[in-house]
Amino acid sequence: MAVSVLIRRSFSETDKAAELAPLIVKLRSLATIQPGYITGRTFRCLDCAGEYLVISTWNTLEDWNRWLNSKERQELQNQVDELLGGKTEYRIYEPLVGGIIPRF
């Protein structure tokens, strides 16, 4: 079953945006060619300056975890977190069908 991953990044120093953007673009570009990647969208929060949200959809949780734990991704993510001065937050969701929880 497909999963959606919410990736939240926040930073207070707006001058860091210029340094952060190429890393985010590279992460996104590399994600799109990973096995199991379906789609992704990036949002900028309008009422919370410096907050960004990525919603990416993967075929399976295993596909996401393979990408999440890849050396290539971890190296880029470490650079992102260093610029942010904190950790990127992740949440993984599965869709509900008709409001029914698929597993109990």
PDB file of N, CA and C in Angstrom:
ATOM      1  N   MET A   1       0.836  -1.172   0.000  1.00  0.00           N
ATOM      2  CA  MET A   1       0.000   0.000   0.000  1.00  0.00           C
ATOM      3  C   MET A   1       0.886   1.243   0.000  1.00  0.00           C
ATOM      4  N   ALA A   2       0.507   2.237  -0.788  1.00  0.00           N
ATOM      5  CA  ALA A   2       1.265   3.476  -0.880  1.00  0.00           C
ATOM      6  C   ALA A   2       1.291   4.189   0.470  1.00  0.00           C
ATOM      7  N   VAL A   3       2.381   4.907   0.707  1.00  0.00           N
ATOM      8  CA  VAL A   3       2.510   5.720   1.916  1.00  0.00           C
ATOM      9  C   VAL A   3       2.875   7.140   1.518  1.00  0.00           C
ATOM     10  N   SER A   4       2.446   8.090   2.327  1.00  0.00           N
ATOM     11  CA  SER A   4       2.829   9.481   2.136  1.00  0.00           C
ATOM     12  C   SER A   4       3.741   9.883   3.280  1.00  0.00           C
ATOM     13  N   VAL A   5       4.811  10.564   2.923  1.00  0.00           N
ATOM     14  CA  VAL A   5       5.789  11.006   3.905  1.00  0.00           C
ATOM     15  C   VAL A   5       5.738  12.520   3.953  1.00  0.00           C
ATOM     16  N   LEU A   6       5.519  13.056   5.160  1.00  0.00           N
ATOM     17  CA  LEU A   6       5.532  14.500   5.364  1.00  0.00           C
ATOM     18  C   LEU A   6       6.882  14.869   5.952  1.00  0.00           C
ATOM     19  N   ILE A   7       7.582  15.752   5.262  1.00  0.00           N
ATOM     20  CA  ILE A   7       8.921  16.165   5.655  1.00  0.00           C
ATOM     21  C   ILE A   7       8.852  17.656   5.967  1.00  0.00           C
ATOM     22  N   ARG A   8       9.134  18.006   7.216  1.00  0.00           N
ATOM     23  CA  ARG A   8       9.018  19.405   7.660  1.00  0.00           C
ATOM     24  C   ARG A   8      10.388  19.948   8.010  1.00  0.00           C
ATOM     25  N   ARG A   9      10.683  21.108   7.415  1.00  0.00           N
ATOM     26  CA  ARG A   9      11.956  21.772   7.686  1.00  0.00           C
ATOM     27  C   ARG A   9      11.676  23.211   8.065  1.00  0.00           C
ATOM     28  N   SER A  10      12.367  23.695   9.085  1.00  0.00           N
ATOM     29  CA  SER A  10      12.208  25.084   9.534  1.00  0.00           C
ATOM     30  C   SER A  10      13.574  25.708   9.747  1.00  0.00           C
ATOM     31  N   PHE A  11      13.667  26.984   9.411  1.00  0.00           N
ATOM     32  CA  PHE A  11      14.884  27.723   9.732  1.00  0.00           C
ATOM     33  C   PHE A  11      14.534  29.173   9.981  1.00  0.00           C
ATOM     34  N   SER A  12      15.289  29.773  10.876  1.00  0.00           N
ATOM     35  CA  SER A  12      14.999  31.155  11.266  1.00  0.00           C
ATOM     36  C   SER A  12      15.857  32.158  10.505  1.00  0.00           C
ATOM     37  N   GLU A  13      16.989  31.729  10.001  1.00  0.00           N
ATOM     38  CA  GLU A  13      17.882  32.633   9.284  1.00  0.00           C
ATOM     39  C   GLU A  13      17.553  32.585   7.793  1.00  0.00           C
ATOM     40  N   THR A  14      16.823  33.598   7.324  1.00  0.00           N
ATOM     41  CA  THR A  14      16.351  33.590   5.941  1.00  0.00           C
ATOM     42  C   THR A  14      17.487  33.633   4.920  1.00  0.00           C
ATOM     43  N   ASP A  15      18.652  34.113   5.316  1.00  0.00           N
ATOM     44  CA  ASP A  15      19.781  34.135   4.384  1.00  0.00           C
ATOM     45  C   ASP A  15      20.268  32.723   4.057  1.00  0.00           C
ATOM     46  N   LYS A  16      19.870  31.749   4.853  1.00  0.00           N
ATOM     47  CA  LYS A  16      20.252  30.356   4.612  1.00  0.00           C
ATOM     48  C   LYS A  16      19.467  29.755   3.450  1.00  0.00           C
ATOM     49  N   ALA A  17      18.359  30.364   3.070  1.00  0.00           N
ATOM     50  CA  ALA A  17      17.508  29.828   2.008  1.00  0.00           C
ATOM     51  C   ALA A  17      18.283  29.642   0.711  1.00  0.00           C
ATOM     52  N   ALA A  18      19.150  30.577   0.379  1.00  0.00           N
ATOM     53  CA  ALA A  18      19.929  30.482  -0.854  1.00  0.00           C
ATOM     54  C   ALA A  18      20.869  29.281  -0.837  1.00  0.00           C
ATOM     55  N   GLU A  19      21.393  28.941   0.329  1.00  0.00           N
ATOM     56  CA  GLU A  19      22.270  27.776   0.460  1.00  0.00           C
ATOM     57  C   GLU A  19      21.470  26.477   0.509  1.00  0.00           C
ATOM     58  N   LEU A  20      20.291  26.550   1.084  1.00  0.00           N
ATOM     59  CA  LEU A  20      19.449  25.373   1.268  1.00  0.00           C
ATOM     60  C   LEU A  20      18.795  24.913  -0.034  1.00  0.00           C
ATOM     61  N   ALA A  21      18.387  25.851  -0.856  1.00  0.00           N
ATOM     62  CA  ALA A  21      17.631  25.529  -2.070  1.00  0.00           C
ATOM     63  C   ALA A  21      18.312  24.495  -2.974  1.00  0.00           C
ATOM     64  N   PRO A  22      19.604  24.632  -3.299  1.00  0.00           N
ATOM     65  CA  PRO A  22      20.224  23.633  -4.181  1.00  0.00           C
ATOM     66  C   PRO A  22      20.247  22.227  -3.572  1.00  0.00           C
ATOM     67  N   LEU A  23      20.391  22.143  -2.253  1.00  0.00           N
ATOM     68  CA  LEU A  23      20.393  20.836  -1.597  1.00  0.00           C
ATOM     69  C   LEU A  23      19.011  20.188  -1.682  1.00  0.00           C
ATOM     70  N   ILE A  24      17.968  20.987  -1.476  1.00  0.00           N
ATOM     71  CA  ILE A  24      16.605  20.479  -1.548  1.00  0.00           C
ATOM     72  C   ILE A  24      16.288  20.031  -2.975  1.00  0.00           C
ATOM     73  N   VAL A  25      16.714  20.828  -3.950  1.00  0.00           N
ATOM     74  CA  VAL A  25      16.489  20.469  -5.356  1.00  0.00           C
ATOM     75  C   VAL A  25      17.199  19.156  -5.683  1.00  0.00           C
ATOM     76  N   LYS A  26      18.408  19.006  -5.189  1.00  0.00           N
ATOM     77  CA  LYS A  26      19.152  17.769  -5.456  1.00  0.00           C
ATOM     78  C   LYS A  26      18.473  16.572  -4.792  1.00  0.00           C
ATOM     79  N   LEU A  27      18.046  16.730  -3.536  1.00  0.00           N
ATOM     80  CA  LEU A  27      17.321  15.648  -2.859  1.00  0.00           C
ATOM     81  C   LEU A  27      16.078  15.257  -3.654  1.00  0.00           C
ATOM     82  N   ARG A  28      15.331  16.259  -4.078  1.00  0.00           N
ATOM     83  CA  ARG A  28      14.096  16.008  -4.823  1.00  0.00           C
ATOM     84  C   ARG A  28      14.390  15.312  -6.150  1.00  0.00           C
ATOM     85  N   SER A  29      15.399  15.783  -6.864  1.00  0.00           N
ATOM     86  CA  SER A  29      15.765  15.181  -8.148  1.00  0.00           C
ATOM     87  C   SER A  29      16.174  13.725  -7.994  1.00  0.00           C
ATOM     88  N   LEU A  30      16.964  13.456  -6.979  1.00  0.00           N
ATOM     89  CA  LEU A  30      17.400  12.080  -6.745  1.00  0.00           C
ATOM     90  C   LEU A  30      16.242  11.193  -6.296  1.00  0.00           C
ATOM     91  N   ALA A  31      15.331  11.744  -5.502  1.00  0.00           N
ATOM     92  CA  ALA A  31      14.180  10.962  -5.040  1.00  0.00           C
ATOM     93  C   ALA A  31      13.331  10.492  -6.217  1.00  0.00           C
ATOM     94  N   THR A  32      13.174  11.353  -7.211  1.00  0.00           N
ATOM     95  CA  THR A  32      12.279  11.023  -8.328  1.00  0.00           C
ATOM     96  C   THR A  32      12.733   9.814  -9.137  1.00  0.00           C
ATOM     97  N   ILE A  33      13.997   9.460  -9.043  1.00  0.00           N
ATOM     98  CA  ILE A  33      14.481   8.303  -9.801  1.00  0.00           C
ATOM     99  C   ILE A  33      14.642   7.056  -8.934  1.00  0.00           C
ATOM    100  N   GLN A  34      14.193   7.134  -7.684  1.00  0.00           N
ATOM    101  CA  GLN A  34      14.303   5.988  -6.785  1.00  0.00           C
ATOM    102  C   GLN A  34      13.168   5.006  -7.055  1.00  0.00           C
ATOM    103  N   PRO A  35      13.449   3.708  -6.921  1.00  0.00           N
ATOM    104  CA  PRO A  35      12.387   2.710  -7.069  1.00  0.00           C
ATOM    105  C   PRO A  35      11.280   2.961  -6.042  1.00  0.00           C
ATOM    106  N   GLY A  36      10.054   2.995  -6.512  1.00  0.00           N
ATOM    107  CA  GLY A  36       8.912   3.155  -5.625  1.00  0.00           C
ATOM    108  C   GLY A  36       8.446   4.581  -5.433  1.00  0.00           C
ATOM    109  N   TYR A  37       9.209   5.554  -5.921  1.00  0.00           N
ATOM    110  CA  TYR A  37       8.781   6.948  -5.810  1.00  0.00           C
ATOM    111  C   TYR A  37       7.589   7.183  -6.734  1.00  0.00           C
ATOM    112  N   ILE A  38       6.540   7.827  -6.207  1.00  0.00           N
ATOM    113  CA  ILE A  38       5.358   8.106  -7.016  1.00  0.00           C
ATOM    114  C   ILE A  38       5.268   9.590  -7.349  1.00  0.00           C
ATOM    115  N   THR A  39       5.264  10.432  -6.329  1.00  0.00           N
ATOM    116  CA  THR A  39       5.131  11.872  -6.556  1.00  0.00           C
ATOM    117  C   THR A  39       5.547  12.648  -5.313  1.00  0.00           C
ATOM    118  N   GLY A  40       5.697  13.943  -5.486  1.00  0.00           N
ATOM    119  CA  GLY A  40       6.025  14.802  -4.355  1.00  0.00           C
ATOM    120  C   GLY A  40       5.654  16.242  -4.642  1.00  0.00           C
ATOM    121  N   ARG A  41       5.371  16.970  -3.588  1.00  0.00           N
ATOM    122  CA  ARG A  41       5.053  18.397  -3.681  1.00  0.00           C
ATOM    123  C   ARG A  41       5.738  19.117  -2.533  1.00  0.00           C
ATOM    124  N   THR A  42       6.168  20.343  -2.781  1.00  0.00           N
ATOM    125  CA  THR A  42       6.831  21.145  -1.760  1.00  0.00           C
ATOM    126  C   THR A  42       6.005  22.399  -1.508  1.00  0.00           C
ATOM    127  N   PHE A  43       5.838  22.737  -0.224  1.00  0.00           N
ATOM    128  CA  PHE A  43       5.024  23.877   0.177  1.00  0.00           C
ATOM    129  C   PHE A  43       5.833  24.797   1.079  1.00  0.00           C
ATOM    130  N   ARG A  44       5.545  26.090   0.975  1.00  0.00           N
ATOM    131  CA  ARG A  44       6.101  27.093   1.878  1.00  0.00           C
ATOM    132  C   ARG A  44       4.952  27.591   2.739  1.00  0.00           C
ATOM    133  N   CYS A  45       5.148  27.589   4.039  1.00  0.00           N
ATOM    134  CA  CYS A  45       4.103  28.014   4.966  1.00  0.00           C
ATOM    135  C   CYS A  45       3.927  29.525   4.877  1.00  0.00           C
ATOM    136  N   LEU A  46       2.678  29.969   4.712  1.00  0.00           N
ATOM    137  CA  LEU A  46       2.400  31.405   4.593  1.00  0.00           C
ATOM    138  C   LEU A  46       2.263  32.096   5.936  1.00  0.00           C
ATOM    139  N   ASP A  47       1.889  31.353   6.980  1.00  0.00           N
ATOM    140  CA  ASP A  47       1.720  31.995   8.284  1.00  0.00           C
ATOM    141  C   ASP A  47       2.795  31.600   9.287  1.00  0.00           C
ATOM    142  N   CYS A  48       3.861  30.983   8.797  1.00  0.00           N
ATOM    143  CA  CYS A  48       4.986  30.614   9.659  1.00  0.00           C
ATOM    144  C   CYS A  48       6.260  30.717   8.811  1.00  0.00           C
ATOM    145  N   ALA A  49       6.828  31.907   8.764  1.00  0.00           N
ATOM    146  CA  ALA A  49       7.999  32.163   7.920  1.00  0.00           C
ATOM    147  C   ALA A  49       9.121  31.172   8.215  1.00  0.00           C
ATOM    148  N   GLY A  50       9.740  30.692   7.145  1.00  0.00           N
ATOM    149  CA  GLY A  50      10.870  29.786   7.298  1.00  0.00           C
ATOM    150  C   GLY A  50      10.496  28.335   7.459  1.00  0.00           C
ATOM    151  N   GLU A  51       9.219  27.998   7.302  1.00  0.00           N
ATOM    152  CA  GLU A  51       8.801  26.600   7.417  1.00  0.00           C
ATOM    153  C   GLU A  51       8.406  26.071   6.043  1.00  0.00           C
ATOM    154  N   TYR A  52       8.913  24.885   5.735  1.00  0.00           N
ATOM    155  CA  TYR A  52       8.639  24.233   4.456  1.00  0.00           C
ATOM    156  C   TYR A  52       8.164  22.813   4.710  1.00  0.00           C
ATOM    157  N   LEU A  53       7.274  22.353   3.848  1.00  0.00           N
ATOM    158  CA  LEU A  53       6.716  21.012   3.978  1.00  0.00           C
ATOM    159  C   LEU A  53       6.798  20.319   2.632  1.00  0.00           C
ATOM    160  N   VAL A  54       7.313  19.111   2.638  1.00  0.00           N
ATOM    161  CA  VAL A  54       7.335  18.268   1.449  1.00  0.00           C
ATOM    162  C   VAL A  54       6.404  17.098   1.718  1.00  0.00           C
ATOM    163  N   ILE A  55       5.541  16.813   0.774  1.00  0.00           N
ATOM    164  CA  ILE A  55       4.688  15.629   0.863  1.00  0.00           C
ATOM    165  C   ILE A  55       5.085  14.739  -0.300  1.00  0.00           C
ATOM    166  N   SER A  56       5.665  13.596   0.017  1.00  0.00           N
ATOM    167  CA  SER A  56       6.079  12.678  -1.036  1.00  0.00           C
ATOM    168  C   SER A  56       5.346  11.359  -0.849  1.00  0.00           C
ATOM    169  N   THR A  57       5.029  10.739  -1.966  1.00  0.00           N
ATOM    170  CA  THR A  57       4.280   9.484  -1.943  1.00  0.00           C
ATOM    171  C   THR A  57       5.147   8.387  -2.544  1.00  0.00           C
ATOM    172  N   TRP A  58       5.143   7.261  -1.832  1.00  0.00           N
ATOM    173  CA  TRP A  58       5.968   6.118  -2.203  1.00  0.00           C
ATOM    174  C   TRP A  58       5.082   4.885  -2.328  1.00  0.00           C
ATOM    175  N   ASN A  59       5.488   3.991  -3.180  1.00  0.00           N
ATOM    176  CA  ASN A  59       4.736   2.764  -3.411  1.00  0.00           C
ATOM    177  C   ASN A  59       4.579   1.940  -2.135  1.00  0.00           C
ATOM    178  N   THR A  60       5.669   1.812  -1.375  1.00  0.00           N
ATOM    179  CA  THR A  60       5.636   1.058  -0.120  1.00  0.00           C
ATOM    180  C   THR A  60       6.508   1.753   0.919  1.00  0.00           C
ATOM    181  N   LEU A  61       6.294   1.408   2.166  1.00  0.00           N
ATOM    182  CA  LEU A  61       7.142   1.908   3.243  1.00  0.00           C
ATOM    183  C   LEU A  61       8.583   1.457   3.035  1.00  0.00           C
ATOM    184  N   GLU A  62       8.765   0.268   2.521  1.00  0.00           N
ATOM    185  CA  GLU A  62      10.111  -0.246   2.267  1.00  0.00           C
ATOM    186  C   GLU A  62      10.845   0.601   1.235  1.00  0.00           C
ATOM    187  N   ASP A  63      10.115   1.051   0.203  1.00  0.00           N
ATOM    188  CA  ASP A  63      10.736   1.926  -0.803  1.00  0.00           C
ATOM    189  C   ASP A  63      11.222   3.219  -0.157  1.00  0.00           C
ATOM    190  N   TRP A  64      10.367   3.831   0.674  1.00  0.00           N
ATOM    191  CA  TRP A  64      10.753   5.053   1.371  1.00  0.00           C
ATOM    192  C   TRP A  64      11.957   4.805   2.268  1.00  0.00           C
ATOM    193  N   ASN A  65      11.909   3.751   3.058  1.00  0.00           N
ATOM    194  CA  ASN A  65      13.008   3.467   3.989  1.00  0.00           C
ATOM    195  C   ASN A  65      14.323   3.215   3.257  1.00  0.00           C
ATOM    196  N   ARG A  66      14.258   2.577   2.094  1.00  0.00           N
ATOM    197  CA  ARG A  66      15.470   2.339   1.313  1.00  0.00           C
ATOM    198  C   ARG A  66      16.095   3.682   0.917  1.00  0.00           C
ATOM    199  N   TRP A  67      15.275   4.613   0.459  1.00  0.00           N
ATOM    200  CA  TRP A  67      15.766   5.939   0.088  1.00  0.00           C
ATOM    201  C   TRP A  67      16.219   6.725   1.322  1.00  0.00           C
ATOM    202  N   LEU A  68      15.410   6.695   2.374  1.00  0.00           N
ATOM    203  CA  LEU A  68      15.738   7.410   3.605  1.00  0.00           C
ATOM    204  C   LEU A  68      17.100   6.996   4.141  1.00  0.00           C
ATOM    205  N   ASN A  69      17.423   5.725   4.086  1.00  0.00           N
ATOM    206  CA  ASN A  69      18.647   5.197   4.673  1.00  0.00           C
ATOM    207  C   ASN A  69      19.814   5.091   3.697  1.00  0.00           C
ATOM    208  N   SER A  70      19.608   5.522   2.462  1.00  0.00           N
ATOM    209  CA  SER A  70      20.702   5.440   1.487  1.00  0.00           C
ATOM    210  C   SER A  70      21.812   6.415   1.871  1.00  0.00           C
ATOM    211  N   LYS A  71      23.021   6.024   1.601  1.00  0.00           N
ATOM    212  CA  LYS A  71      24.185   6.853   1.926  1.00  0.00           C
ATOM    213  C   LYS A  71      24.115   8.200   1.203  1.00  0.00           C
ATOM    214  N   GLU A  72      23.722   8.160  -0.065  1.00  0.00           N
ATOM    215  CA  GLU A  72      23.635   9.373  -0.877  1.00  0.00           C
ATOM    216  C   GLU A  72      22.672  10.385  -0.247  1.00  0.00           C
ATOM    217  N   ARG A  73      21.513   9.908   0.193  1.00  0.00           N
ATOM    218  CA  ARG A  73      20.524  10.787   0.798  1.00  0.00           C
ATOM    219  C   ARG A  73      20.994  11.297   2.156  1.00  0.00           C
ATOM    220  N   GLN A  74      21.564  10.408   2.951  1.00  0.00           N
ATOM    221  CA  GLN A  74      22.004  10.795   4.291  1.00  0.00           C
ATOM    222  C   GLN A  74      23.064  11.891   4.238  1.00  0.00           C
ATOM    223  N   GLU A  75      23.960  11.818   3.261  1.00  0.00           N
ATOM    224  CA  GLU A  75      24.998  12.851   3.135  1.00  0.00           C
ATOM    225  C   GLU A  75      24.374  14.216   2.833  1.00  0.00           C
ATOM    226  N   LEU A  76      23.413  14.246   1.915  1.00  0.00           N
ATOM    227  CA  LEU A  76      22.724  15.504   1.598  1.00  0.00           C
ATOM    228  C   LEU A  76      21.887  15.983   2.772  1.00  0.00           C
ATOM    229  N   GLN A  77      21.198  15.050   3.436  1.00  0.00           N
ATOM    230  CA  GLN A  77      20.348  15.423   4.559  1.00  0.00           C
ATOM    231  C   GLN A  77      21.165  16.000   5.706  1.00  0.00           C
ATOM    232  N   ASN A  78      22.342  15.475   5.930  1.00  0.00           N
ATOM    233  CA  ASN A  78      23.215  16.023   6.973  1.00  0.00           C
ATOM    234  C   ASN A  78      23.587  17.466   6.664  1.00  0.00           C
ATOM    235  N   GLN A  79      23.838  17.767   5.399  1.00  0.00           N
ATOM    236  CA  GLN A  79      24.153  19.144   5.004  1.00  0.00           C
ATOM    237  C   GLN A  79      22.941  20.059   5.232  1.00  0.00           C
ATOM    238  N   VAL A  80      21.752  19.553   4.910  1.00  0.00           N
ATOM    239  CA  VAL A  80      20.522  20.319   5.120  1.00  0.00           C
ATOM    240  C   VAL A  80      20.345  20.616   6.605  1.00  0.00           C
ATOM    241  N   ASP A  81      20.451  19.592   7.428  1.00  0.00           N
ATOM    242  CA  ASP A  81      20.250  19.769   8.870  1.00  0.00           C
ATOM    243  C   ASP A  81      21.289  20.713   9.473  1.00  0.00           C
ATOM    244  N   GLU A  82      22.501  20.661   8.957  1.00  0.00           N
ATOM    245  CA  GLU A  82      23.544  21.567   9.448  1.00  0.00           C
ATOM    246  C   GLU A  82      23.171  23.020   9.136  1.00  0.00           C
ATOM    247  N   LEU A  83      22.682  23.259   7.945  1.00  0.00           N
ATOM    248  CA  LEU A  83      22.240  24.615   7.583  1.00  0.00           C
ATOM    249  C   LEU A  83      21.040  25.060   8.410  1.00  0.00           C
ATOM    250  N   LEU A  84      20.120  24.124   8.655  1.00  0.00           N
ATOM    251  CA  LEU A  84      18.922  24.445   9.428  1.00  0.00           C
ATOM    252  C   LEU A  84      19.245  24.704  10.890  1.00  0.00           C
ATOM    253  N   GLY A  85      20.312  24.095  11.364  1.00  0.00           N
ATOM    254  CA  GLY A  85      20.632  24.188  12.788  1.00  0.00           C
ATOM    255  C   GLY A  85      19.719  23.299  13.617  1.00  0.00           C
ATOM    256  N   GLY A  86      19.165  22.272  13.014  1.00  0.00           N
ATOM    257  CA  GLY A  86      18.271  21.332  13.698  1.00  0.00           C
ATOM    258  C   GLY A  86      17.929  20.177  12.781  1.00  0.00           C
ATOM    259  N   LYS A  87      17.143  19.270  13.299  1.00  0.00           N
ATOM    260  CA  LYS A  87      16.783  18.071  12.544  1.00  0.00           C
ATOM    261  C   LYS A  87      15.528  18.280  11.708  1.00  0.00           C
ATOM    262  N   THR A  88      15.528  17.679  10.548  1.00  0.00           N
ATOM    263  CA  THR A  88      14.343  17.621   9.708  1.00  0.00           C
ATOM    264  C   THR A  88      13.376  16.638  10.356  1.00  0.00           C
ATOM    265  N   GLU A  89      12.095  16.968  10.332  1.00  0.00           N
ATOM    266  CA  GLU A  89      11.072  16.102  10.936  1.00  0.00           C
ATOM    267  C   GLU A  89      10.366  15.288   9.857  1.00  0.00           C
ATOM    268  N   TYR A  90      10.101  14.017  10.181  1.00  0.00           N
ATOM    269  CA  TYR A  90       9.427  13.120   9.250  1.00  0.00           C
ATOM    270  C   TYR A  90       8.200  12.511   9.916  1.00  0.00           C
ATOM    271  N   ARG A  91       7.126  12.372   9.139  1.00  0.00           N
ATOM    272  CA  ARG A  91       5.930  11.644   9.563  1.00  0.00           C
ATOM    273  C   ARG A  91       5.484  10.810   8.380  1.00  0.00           C
ATOM    274  N   ILE A  92       5.114   9.568   8.646  1.00  0.00           N
ATOM    275  CA  ILE A  92       4.707   8.651   7.583  1.00  0.00           C
ATOM    276  C   ILE A  92       3.243   8.291   7.793  1.00  0.00           C
ATOM    277  N   TYR A  93       2.462   8.407   6.725  1.00  0.00           N
ATOM    278  CA  TYR A  93       1.029   8.146   6.787  1.00  0.00           C
ATOM    279  C   TYR A  93       0.623   7.134   5.726  1.00  0.00           C
ATOM    280  N   GLU A  94      -0.419   6.369   6.053  1.00  0.00           N
ATOM    281  CA  GLU A  94      -1.030   5.500   5.052  1.00  0.00           C
ATOM    282  C   GLU A  94      -2.462   5.970   4.852  1.00  0.00           C
ATOM    283  N   PRO A  95      -2.988   5.801   3.653  1.00  0.00           N
ATOM    284  CA  PRO A  95      -4.350   6.282   3.399  1.00  0.00           C
ATOM    285  C   PRO A  95      -5.394   5.421   4.095  1.00  0.00           C
ATOM    286  N   LEU A  96      -6.487   6.063   4.465  1.00  0.00           N
ATOM    287  CA  LEU A  96      -7.638   5.354   4.996  1.00  0.00           C
ATOM    288  C   LEU A  96      -8.627   5.168   3.859  1.00  0.00           C
ATOM    289  N   VAL A  97      -9.235   4.028   3.794  1.00  0.00           N
ATOM    290  CA  VAL A  97     -10.216   3.743   2.748  1.00  0.00           C
ATOM    291  C   VAL A  97     -11.593   3.867   3.344  1.00  0.00           C
ATOM    292  N   GLY A  98     -12.346   4.867   2.916  1.00  0.00           N
ATOM    293  CA  GLY A  98     -13.689   5.056   3.439  1.00  0.00           C
ATOM    294  C   GLY A  98     -13.723   5.276   4.937  1.00  0.00           C
ATOM    295  N   GLY A  99     -12.635   5.825   5.492  1.00  0.00           N
ATOM    296  CA  GLY A  99     -12.578   6.090   6.922  1.00  0.00           C
ATOM    297  C   GLY A  99     -12.316   4.841   7.761  1.00  0.00           C
ATOM    298  N   ILE A 100     -12.043   3.725   7.097  1.00  0.00           N
ATOM    299  CA  ILE A 100     -11.802   2.469   7.809  1.00  0.00           C
ATOM    300  C   ILE A 100     -10.298   2.258   7.927  1.00  0.00           C
ATOM    301  N   ILE A 101      -9.839   2.022   9.124  1.00  0.00           N
ATOM    302  CA  ILE A 101      -8.425   1.779   9.360  1.00  0.00           C
ATOM    303  C   ILE A 101      -8.114   0.370   8.875  1.00  0.00           C
ATOM    304  N   PRO A 102      -7.152   0.217   7.957  1.00  0.00           N
ATOM    305  CA  PRO A 102      -6.880  -1.096   7.359  1.00  0.00           C
ATOM    306  C   PRO A 102      -6.275  -2.127   8.314  1.00  0.00           C
ATOM    307  N   ARG A 103      -5.556  -1.674   9.344  1.00  0.00           N
ATOM    308  CA  ARG A 103      -4.937  -2.636  10.286  1.00  0.00           C
ATOM    309  C   ARG A 103      -5.290  -2.217  11.707  1.00  0.00           C
ATOM    310  N   PHE A 104      -5.454  -3.200  12.561  1.00  0.00           N
ATOM    311  CA  PHE A 104      -5.760  -2.931  13.969  1.00  0.00           C
ATOM    312  C   PHE A 104      -4.677  -3.467  14.856  1.00  0.00           C
TER     313      PHE A 104
END
